[in-house]
Protein backbone atom coordinates (compact mmCIF):
# COMPACT_ATOMS: atom_id res chain seq x y z
CA MET A 1 62.84 35.94 11.08
CA GLU A 2 64.59 32.77 12.26
CA ASN A 3 67.89 33.94 10.77
CA GLU A 4 67.58 37.62 11.81
CA PHE A 5 69.38 39.04 14.84
CA LYS A 6 69.31 42.32 16.72
CA ASP A 7 71.93 44.14 18.77
CA THR A 8 71.31 44.26 22.54
CA GLU A 9 73.25 45.11 25.70
CA ILE A 10 74.31 41.44 25.91
CA GLY A 11 75.18 41.07 22.23
CA LYS A 12 73.28 39.83 19.20
CA ILE A 13 70.15 37.77 19.84
CA PRO A 14 67.28 36.63 17.57
CA VAL A 15 64.88 39.47 16.77
CA ASP A 16 61.93 37.68 18.37
CA TRP A 17 63.82 37.04 21.64
CA ASN A 18 64.05 39.42 24.61
CA VAL A 19 66.73 40.30 27.14
CA ALA A 20 65.68 39.44 30.68
CA THR A 21 67.18 39.30 34.16
CA PHE A 22 67.45 35.74 35.49
CA SER A 23 65.51 36.48 38.68
CA GLU A 24 62.71 38.24 36.74
CA ILE A 25 61.80 35.13 34.75
CA ILE A 26 62.69 32.40 37.26
CA ASP A 27 61.56 31.99 40.86
CA ILE A 28 64.53 31.70 43.22
CA ASN A 29 63.79 29.52 46.28
CA PRO A 30 60.00 29.59 45.78
CA LYS A 31 57.86 29.18 48.90
CA ARG A 32 57.15 25.54 49.78
CA THR A 33 55.69 24.62 53.19
CA LEU A 34 56.61 21.63 55.38
CA LYS A 35 55.90 20.94 59.06
CA LYS A 36 58.92 20.60 61.30
CA GLY A 37 59.15 17.29 63.13
CA GLU A 38 57.36 15.29 60.41
CA LYS A 39 59.04 12.92 57.98
CA TYR A 40 59.49 13.72 54.29
CA LYS A 41 61.76 12.69 51.46
CA LYS A 42 65.20 14.25 51.80
CA ILE A 43 67.64 14.86 48.95
CA ALA A 44 71.19 15.26 50.24
CA MET A 45 74.05 16.66 48.17
CA THR A 46 75.40 13.12 47.92
CA ASP A 47 72.15 12.04 46.23
CA ILE A 48 73.04 14.15 43.21
CA LYS A 49 75.60 12.96 40.69
CA GLU A 50 77.88 15.34 38.82
CA TYR A 51 76.60 16.48 35.40
CA THR A 52 73.54 14.24 35.71
CA ARG A 53 69.92 15.41 35.49
CA LYS A 54 68.43 12.48 37.41
CA ILE A 55 68.41 12.44 41.22
CA GLN A 56 70.09 9.18 42.23
CA SER A 57 68.50 8.44 45.62
CA TYR A 58 66.78 9.90 48.67
CA SER A 59 66.07 9.11 52.31
CA ASP A 60 63.02 9.56 54.56
CA GLU A 61 63.92 11.88 57.41
CA GLU A 62 62.44 14.25 59.94
CA TYR A 63 62.27 17.81 58.63
CA LYS A 64 64.20 20.29 60.76
CA GLY A 65 65.06 22.80 58.06
CA GLY A 66 66.65 23.11 54.64
CA SER A 67 65.64 23.81 51.05
CA ARG A 68 62.13 22.77 49.99
CA PHE A 69 61.04 21.76 46.53
CA THR A 70 58.58 19.83 44.41
CA ASN A 71 58.55 18.13 41.01
CA GLU A 72 59.86 20.22 38.09
CA ASP A 73 62.06 22.35 40.36
CA THR A 74 65.79 22.52 39.69
CA LEU A 75 68.31 21.94 42.52
CA PHE A 76 71.38 24.10 41.95
CA ALA A 77 74.37 23.43 44.22
CA ARG A 78 75.67 26.78 45.42
CA ILE A 79 78.75 25.71 47.40
CA THR A 80 82.28 24.90 46.29
CA PRO A 81 83.32 22.38 44.96
CA CYS A 82 79.84 20.98 44.26
CA LEU A 83 78.90 23.75 41.82
CA GLU A 84 82.21 23.54 39.95
CA ASN A 85 81.78 19.76 39.79
CA GLY A 86 78.40 20.09 38.08
CA LYS A 87 75.92 19.13 40.81
CA THR A 88 72.60 20.35 39.41
CA ALA A 89 69.51 18.15 39.14
CA PHE A 90 65.89 18.23 37.96
CA VAL A 91 63.29 17.04 40.48
CA ASP A 92 60.99 14.37 39.02
CA ILE A 93 61.01 11.59 41.64
CA LEU A 94 58.19 12.84 43.87
CA ASN A 95 54.49 12.03 43.86
CA GLU A 96 51.96 14.53 42.56
CA ASN A 97 51.86 17.66 44.77
CA GLU A 98 54.47 16.13 47.10
CA ILE A 99 57.01 18.45 48.69
CA ALA A 100 60.46 17.27 49.78
CA PHE A 101 63.44 18.93 51.41
CA GLY A 102 67.19 18.85 51.07
CA SER A 103 70.54 20.39 51.76
CA THR A 104 70.70 24.05 52.72
CA GLU A 105 73.38 24.29 50.02
CA PHE A 106 70.78 24.00 47.24
CA ILE A 107 69.33 27.01 45.50
CA VAL A 108 65.90 26.00 44.21
CA LEU A 109 64.94 27.31 40.76
CA CYS A 110 61.43 27.20 39.31
CA GLY A 111 59.94 28.43 36.04
CA LYS A 112 57.29 31.16 36.12
CA GLU A 113 53.94 30.16 34.65
CA GLY A 114 53.47 31.54 31.15
CA ILE A 115 57.04 32.90 31.06
CA THR A 116 59.54 30.07 31.47
CA ASP A 117 59.36 26.30 30.96
CA SER A 118 60.55 24.25 33.96
CA LYS A 119 62.84 21.94 31.98
CA TYR A 120 64.19 24.91 30.06
CA VAL A 121 65.13 26.42 33.44
CA TYR A 122 67.15 23.29 34.25
CA TYR A 123 69.07 23.42 30.97
CA LEU A 124 69.60 27.16 31.31
CA SER A 125 71.07 26.60 34.79
CA ILE A 126 73.64 24.10 33.48
CA SER A 127 74.58 26.21 30.45
CA PRO A 128 78.24 27.30 30.33
CA GLU A 129 77.33 30.99 30.56
CA ILE A 130 75.27 30.66 33.76
CA ARG A 131 77.81 28.31 35.35
CA LYS A 132 80.66 30.69 34.56
CA LYS A 133 78.87 33.74 36.01
CA THR A 134 77.69 31.99 39.18
CA ILE A 135 81.08 30.40 39.88
CA LYS A 136 82.74 33.80 39.43
CA SER A 137 80.29 35.34 41.93
CA MET A 138 81.11 32.95 44.79
CA ILE A 139 82.03 34.59 48.10
CA GLY A 140 83.25 33.36 51.49
CA THR A 141 86.31 31.75 53.00
CA SER A 142 88.44 29.39 50.95
CA GLY A 143 86.86 25.95 50.67
CA ARG A 144 83.43 27.17 51.83
CA GLN A 145 82.57 29.68 49.11
CA ARG A 146 78.94 30.03 48.05
CA VAL A 147 76.86 31.67 45.35
CA PRO A 148 74.83 34.55 46.85
CA ASN A 149 71.16 34.53 45.86
CA GLU A 150 71.48 38.17 44.86
CA VAL A 151 73.69 37.33 41.88
CA PHE A 152 70.67 36.16 39.89
CA GLY A 153 69.37 39.72 39.91
CA SER A 154 72.38 40.86 37.90
CA ILE A 155 72.58 38.06 35.31
CA GLU A 156 71.01 39.07 32.01
CA ILE A 157 70.10 36.35 29.54
CA PRO A 158 68.53 36.02 26.09
CA LEU A 159 64.97 34.72 26.48
CA PRO A 160 63.21 32.87 23.65
CA PRO A 161 59.40 32.68 23.41
CA LEU A 162 57.85 30.04 25.68
CA SER A 163 57.02 27.77 22.72
CA GLU A 164 60.67 27.76 21.63
CA GLN A 165 61.85 27.16 25.20
CA GLN A 166 59.69 24.04 25.23
CA LYS A 167 61.14 22.83 21.93
CA ILE A 168 64.70 23.41 23.17
CA ALA A 169 63.97 21.54 26.40
CA GLN A 170 62.34 18.72 24.42
CA ILE A 171 65.43 18.22 22.23
CA LEU A 172 67.86 18.25 25.16
CA SER A 173 65.56 16.11 27.32
CA ALA A 174 65.37 13.45 24.62
CA LEU A 175 69.15 13.06 24.84
CA ASP A 176 69.12 12.92 28.66
CA ASP A 177 66.18 10.49 28.60
CA LYS A 178 68.22 8.08 26.47
CA ILE A 179 71.25 8.50 28.75
CA GLU A 180 69.11 7.74 31.81
CA ASN A 181 67.60 4.71 30.08
CA ASN A 182 71.07 3.37 29.29
CA ASN A 183 72.18 3.99 32.88
CA GLN A 184 69.16 2.07 34.17
CA GLN A 185 69.94 -0.81 31.80
CA ASN A 186 73.55 -0.83 33.02
CA LYS A 187 72.40 -0.93 36.64
CA ILE A 188 70.24 -3.97 35.90
CA LEU A 189 73.06 -5.65 33.95
CA GLU A 190 75.53 -5.01 36.79
CA GLU A 191 73.08 -6.41 39.33
CA THR A 192 72.52 -9.45 37.11
CA ALA A 193 76.25 -10.21 36.94
CA ASN A 194 76.62 -9.79 40.71
CA SER A 195 73.58 -11.98 41.37
CA ILE A 196 74.92 -14.80 39.19
CA PHE A 197 78.32 -14.56 40.89
CA LYS A 198 76.71 -14.74 44.33
CA GLU A 199 74.47 -17.65 43.31
CA TRP A 200 77.40 -19.67 41.93
CA PHE A 201 80.38 -18.76 44.11
CA VAL A 202 78.90 -17.61 47.42
CA ASP A 203 75.73 -19.69 47.75
CA PHE A 204 77.32 -22.52 45.67
CA ASN A 205 74.22 -23.03 43.52
CA PHE A 206 76.04 -23.32 40.21
CA LEU A 207 74.47 -25.92 37.92
CA ASP A 208 75.73 -29.45 38.46
CA GLU A 209 76.14 -32.14 35.78
CA ASN A 210 72.37 -32.65 35.82
CA GLY A 211 71.63 -28.96 35.33
CA LEU A 212 70.42 -28.56 38.94
CA PRO A 213 71.57 -26.04 41.61
CA TYR A 214 74.52 -27.76 43.33
CA PHE A 215 73.97 -26.89 47.01
CA GLU A 216 70.17 -27.01 46.98
CA ASN A 217 70.27 -30.51 45.50
CA GLY A 218 72.64 -32.08 47.99
CA GLY A 219 75.98 -31.37 46.35
CA LYS A 220 78.87 -32.65 48.46
CA MET A 221 80.37 -30.01 50.76
CA GLU A 222 83.39 -30.06 53.09
CA PHE A 223 84.42 -27.76 55.90
CA ASN A 224 87.37 -25.46 55.16
CA GLU A 225 89.31 -24.35 58.23
CA GLU A 226 90.92 -21.33 56.50
CA LEU A 227 87.58 -19.76 55.62
CA GLY A 228 85.60 -21.26 58.47
CA ILE A 229 82.78 -22.34 56.14
CA GLU A 230 81.75 -25.33 54.06
CA ILE A 231 82.71 -25.19 50.39
CA PRO A 232 82.02 -27.62 47.51
CA LYS A 233 84.15 -30.76 47.66
CA GLY A 234 87.19 -30.46 45.40
CA TRP A 235 87.40 -26.66 45.59
CA SER A 236 90.51 -25.01 47.04
CA VAL A 237 91.19 -21.70 48.77
CA LYS A 238 93.32 -18.96 47.22
CA SER A 239 94.31 -15.44 48.18
CA ILE A 240 94.19 -12.58 45.68
CA GLY A 241 97.97 -12.37 46.01
CA GLU A 242 98.34 -15.98 44.79
CA VAL A 243 96.46 -15.36 41.54
CA SER A 244 97.39 -11.77 40.68
CA LYS A 245 99.88 -8.91 40.89
CA PHE A 246 99.22 -5.42 42.22
CA TYR A 247 100.47 -2.11 40.78
CA LYS A 248 99.95 1.27 42.42
CA GLY A 249 99.18 4.45 40.54
CA LEU A 250 101.10 7.65 39.90
CA SER A 251 101.80 10.27 42.55
CA TYR A 252 101.33 13.45 40.52
CA LYS A 253 101.30 17.23 40.81
CA SER A 254 98.25 19.20 39.72
CA ASP A 255 100.31 21.30 37.32
CA GLY A 256 100.74 18.11 35.28
CA PHE A 257 97.10 18.22 34.16
CA SER A 258 96.65 19.20 30.53
CA GLU A 259 93.73 19.17 28.11
CA ASP A 260 96.14 17.69 25.57
CA GLY A 261 97.34 14.99 27.98
CA ILE A 262 96.53 11.30 28.16
CA PRO A 263 93.53 9.94 30.11
CA MET A 264 94.16 9.50 33.83
CA ILE A 265 91.99 7.02 35.72
CA ASN A 266 91.42 8.51 39.18
CA LEU A 267 89.13 8.29 42.19
CA LYS A 268 86.31 10.15 40.42
CA CYS A 269 86.14 7.32 37.86
CA PHE A 270 84.58 4.96 40.43
CA GLU A 271 80.84 4.64 40.98
CA ARG A 272 79.70 4.45 44.59
CA ASN A 273 78.62 0.83 44.25
CA GLY A 274 81.18 -0.33 41.70
CA GLY A 275 81.58 0.37 38.01
CA PHE A 276 83.27 3.05 35.91
CA ARG A 277 82.40 6.73 35.45
CA HIS A 278 83.54 8.22 32.14
CA ASP A 279 83.00 11.79 33.31
CA GLY A 280 85.59 11.28 36.04
CA ILE A 281 88.53 10.96 33.62
CA LYS A 282 91.20 13.67 33.89
CA TYR A 283 94.00 14.36 31.40
CA TYR A 284 97.66 14.38 32.36
CA GLY A 285 100.73 15.61 30.50
CA GLY A 286 103.49 14.96 33.04
CA PRO A 287 106.00 12.12 33.46
CA TYR A 288 104.95 8.57 34.37
CA LYS A 289 106.30 5.02 34.44
CA LYS A 290 105.23 1.88 32.60
CA SER A 291 103.84 0.48 35.86
CA HIS A 292 101.36 3.39 35.98
CA MET A 293 99.84 2.48 32.62
CA VAL A 294 96.47 0.78 32.19
CA LYS A 295 94.64 -0.35 29.08
CA LYS A 296 91.09 -1.13 28.04
CA GLY A 297 89.81 -4.15 29.99
CA ASP A 298 92.19 -3.78 32.95
CA LEU A 299 90.81 -4.26 36.46
CA VAL A 300 91.37 -1.30 38.79
CA ILE A 301 90.54 -0.72 42.47
CA ALA A 302 89.74 2.50 44.39
CA MET A 303 92.46 2.90 47.03
CA THR A 304 91.11 6.02 48.75
CA ASP A 305 87.68 7.41 49.63
CA VAL A 306 86.25 10.78 50.62
CA THR A 307 82.57 9.76 50.91
CA GLN A 308 80.92 9.87 54.33
CA ASN A 309 79.93 6.18 54.33
CA ALA A 310 83.03 4.70 52.66
CA ASP A 311 80.96 3.87 49.57
CA VAL A 312 83.90 3.86 47.15
CA ILE A 313 86.99 2.42 48.84
CA GLY A 314 87.95 -1.01 47.52
CA ASN A 315 85.40 -0.85 44.70
CA PRO A 316 86.36 -2.40 41.37
CA ALA A 317 86.04 -0.96 37.87
CA ILE A 318 87.09 -2.11 34.43
CA VAL A 319 88.90 0.41 32.25
CA PRO A 320 86.71 1.16 29.21
CA GLU A 321 87.54 2.47 25.76
CA THR A 322 88.86 6.00 26.32
CA GLY A 323 89.88 6.88 22.78
CA SER A 324 93.56 6.63 23.72
CA GLU A 325 95.97 3.71 23.39
CA ILE A 326 97.74 4.85 26.57
CA ASN A 327 96.03 5.54 29.90
CA ILE A 328 97.55 6.00 33.33
CA MET A 329 96.17 5.69 36.86
CA SER A 330 96.57 8.07 39.78
CA LEU A 331 97.83 7.18 43.26
CA ASP A 332 94.19 6.83 44.37
CA VAL A 333 93.94 3.77 42.11
CA GLY A 334 95.54 0.33 42.01
CA LYS A 335 95.65 -2.20 39.17
CA VAL A 336 95.14 -5.92 39.75
CA GLU A 337 96.75 -7.95 36.98
CA THR A 338 95.43 -11.52 36.92
CA ASP A 339 97.08 -14.77 35.99
CA GLU A 340 94.59 -15.76 33.26
CA LYS A 341 95.57 -19.41 33.67
CA LEU A 342 94.06 -19.32 37.14
CA VAL A 343 91.32 -16.66 37.19
CA SER A 344 89.75 -14.16 34.82
CA ILE A 345 89.20 -10.43 35.25
CA GLY A 346 85.46 -11.06 35.19
CA PHE A 347 85.71 -13.56 38.04
CA LEU A 348 87.86 -11.27 40.20
CA TYR A 349 85.50 -8.38 39.47
CA GLY A 350 82.80 -10.51 41.09
CA VAL A 351 85.05 -11.25 44.07
CA PHE A 352 85.75 -7.53 44.54
CA SER A 353 82.03 -6.71 44.31
CA SER A 354 81.08 -9.18 47.05
CA TYR A 355 79.90 -8.06 50.47
CA HIS A 356 82.41 -10.36 52.23
CA TYR A 357 85.39 -8.74 50.45
CA LEU A 358 84.16 -5.17 51.00
CA ASN A 359 83.63 -5.94 54.68
CA PHE A 360 87.07 -7.61 54.96
CA ILE A 361 89.02 -4.63 53.60
CA LYS A 362 87.60 -2.30 56.25
CA ASN A 363 90.22 -3.81 58.57
CA TYR A 364 92.91 -2.44 56.26
CA THR A 365 91.66 1.14 55.93
CA THR A 366 93.05 4.12 57.83
CA GLY A 367 92.13 7.80 58.06
CA THR A 368 89.11 9.89 59.03
CA THR A 369 88.25 12.54 56.43
CA VAL A 370 90.14 10.66 53.72
CA LEU A 371 90.28 6.86 53.91
CA HIS A 372 93.28 4.94 52.57
CA LEU A 373 93.33 1.23 51.75
CA ASN A 374 96.49 -0.78 52.34
CA LYS A 375 97.12 -3.10 49.39
CA ASP A 376 97.54 -6.00 51.84
CA GLY A 377 93.79 -5.82 52.39
CA ILE A 378 93.36 -6.77 48.75
CA MET A 379 96.20 -9.26 48.35
CA ASN A 380 95.50 -11.12 51.63
CA TYR A 381 91.81 -11.64 50.91
CA GLU A 382 91.00 -15.37 50.56
CA PHE A 383 88.15 -16.85 48.56
CA PRO A 384 86.85 -20.29 47.53
CA MET A 385 88.58 -21.26 44.28
CA PRO A 386 86.26 -23.11 41.87
CA PRO A 387 87.43 -25.42 39.07
CA GLN A 388 88.54 -23.84 35.80
CA ASN A 389 85.55 -24.96 33.77
CA LEU A 390 83.19 -23.09 36.12
CA ILE A 391 85.33 -19.93 36.01
CA LEU A 392 85.35 -20.08 32.20
CA GLU A 393 81.60 -20.57 32.08
CA TYR A 394 81.00 -17.57 34.34
CA THR A 395 83.55 -15.46 32.46
CA GLU A 396 81.67 -15.98 29.18
CA ILE A 397 78.46 -14.76 30.83
CA PHE A 398 80.27 -11.80 32.42
CA ASN A 399 81.94 -10.78 29.15
CA ASN A 400 78.57 -10.74 27.36
CA ILE A 401 77.05 -8.58 30.10
CA TYR A 402 80.04 -6.25 30.26
CA GLY A 403 79.99 -5.93 26.46
CA LYS A 404 76.44 -4.57 26.65
CA ILE A 405 77.41 -2.19 29.46
CA SER A 406 80.36 -0.93 27.42
CA LYS A 407 78.15 -0.35 24.39
CA ASN A 408 75.70 1.69 26.48
CA ASN A 409 78.55 3.70 28.00
CA LEU A 410 79.99 4.54 24.59
CA GLU A 411 76.56 5.66 23.41
CA ASN A 412 76.18 7.81 26.54
CA GLN A 413 79.51 9.48 25.84
CA TYR A 414 78.33 10.38 22.35
CA LEU A 415 74.93 11.60 23.60
CA SER A 416 76.52 13.68 26.39
CA ASN A 417 78.93 15.32 23.96
CA LEU A 418 76.09 16.05 21.55
CA ARG A 419 73.95 17.57 24.31
CA ASP A 420 76.83 19.72 25.55
CA LEU A 421 77.53 20.87 21.99
CA LEU A 422 73.91 21.76 21.27
CA LEU A 423 73.05 23.38 24.61
CA PRO A 424 74.92 26.72 24.29
CA LYS A 425 73.99 27.02 20.62
CA LEU A 426 70.29 26.53 21.38
CA MET A 427 70.41 28.88 24.39
CA SER A 428 72.03 31.67 22.36
CA GLY A 429 69.82 31.31 19.30
CA GLU A 430 72.71 30.22 17.09
CA ILE A 431 70.59 27.15 16.31
CA ARG A 432 66.86 27.80 15.93
CA LEU A 433 64.03 25.30 16.20
CA LYS A 434 60.97 25.65 14.00
């Protein structure tokens, strides 16, 4: 029976599967009750990351209205460009029986008891077929188009037995679980590197010749007039411009994008709190110059920002392995090329991740809806310059940490590709699970 198919109005499906309407087997915006004026967890659209199952964050706010949901519900972004960008998440961050609320631009999806598995509903909602049909159904003015709830009453899908739904969800969840575990490891590794940098080069508690924290154990300090603070005796002050060169990215036209093009590092490649996003890479087939090229290990900076709280502008990232010998960067990105005799990429990454730097560059940003960073904000930034041996010691630690992050990212790329390959095949019955 596992290899037998039958003809239906939606094509061939396994003989033991049924054809069902989406809204018949899945609850759309199920009833959840909250009291207005009281505080609950709130999930904003910005708390959901593109093509990521896990909700990234939340806030505690007074409930005045919005979508309501509980654990095992799916949040499906219905507005452009959030839907096209893959903003769909599975709720699993709440306490037992807790109800939260969120953006009015979420459609809440929930499995029906005895008919559909909750995690299967999530994977069904991110399947290419459902995404294609819902995106096509969007209505409204340009830039504010939305999916109407009614569309789910016209989408017919192949429905496997509940036991097979659970097996499908289990396979796909195992891949996402590993991806989330790697992401959590990377977050801890990134925090570790930043903590060491702060301890050594901001708080000046690097280990002295006796293996003791320098500042805490009475290390000699001297006041520096340029920075207006005390720094370890013998250290100097340098600007980013004195130890590096800056290159701006390519001003391009959208018709230059091509699936057969070379990887383009752009604004979407930057995490909100620093770091690189592989799923942000675009591919470009148009003309470019040598100065627009970047390679694995290069240090790049976000030069624009469209987030509400300026979470991205000025953030650093290191270009990872992309599978291509040639990569280019867009105009939203700048490259900082270091003089390795003076500083390392790892050291400058720490400088660019520091609170003092990120606060300093705010004076060099312009714009309202879209922020732009003047390169002078980067090149004029001054920092305490430690001796070479300390930079080399930190760089070795950083490289080991970054190597582990890179390994996890490469594994996540493989796991994501495998999940995306399996998902439509499992949902259509092309691959069956015993």
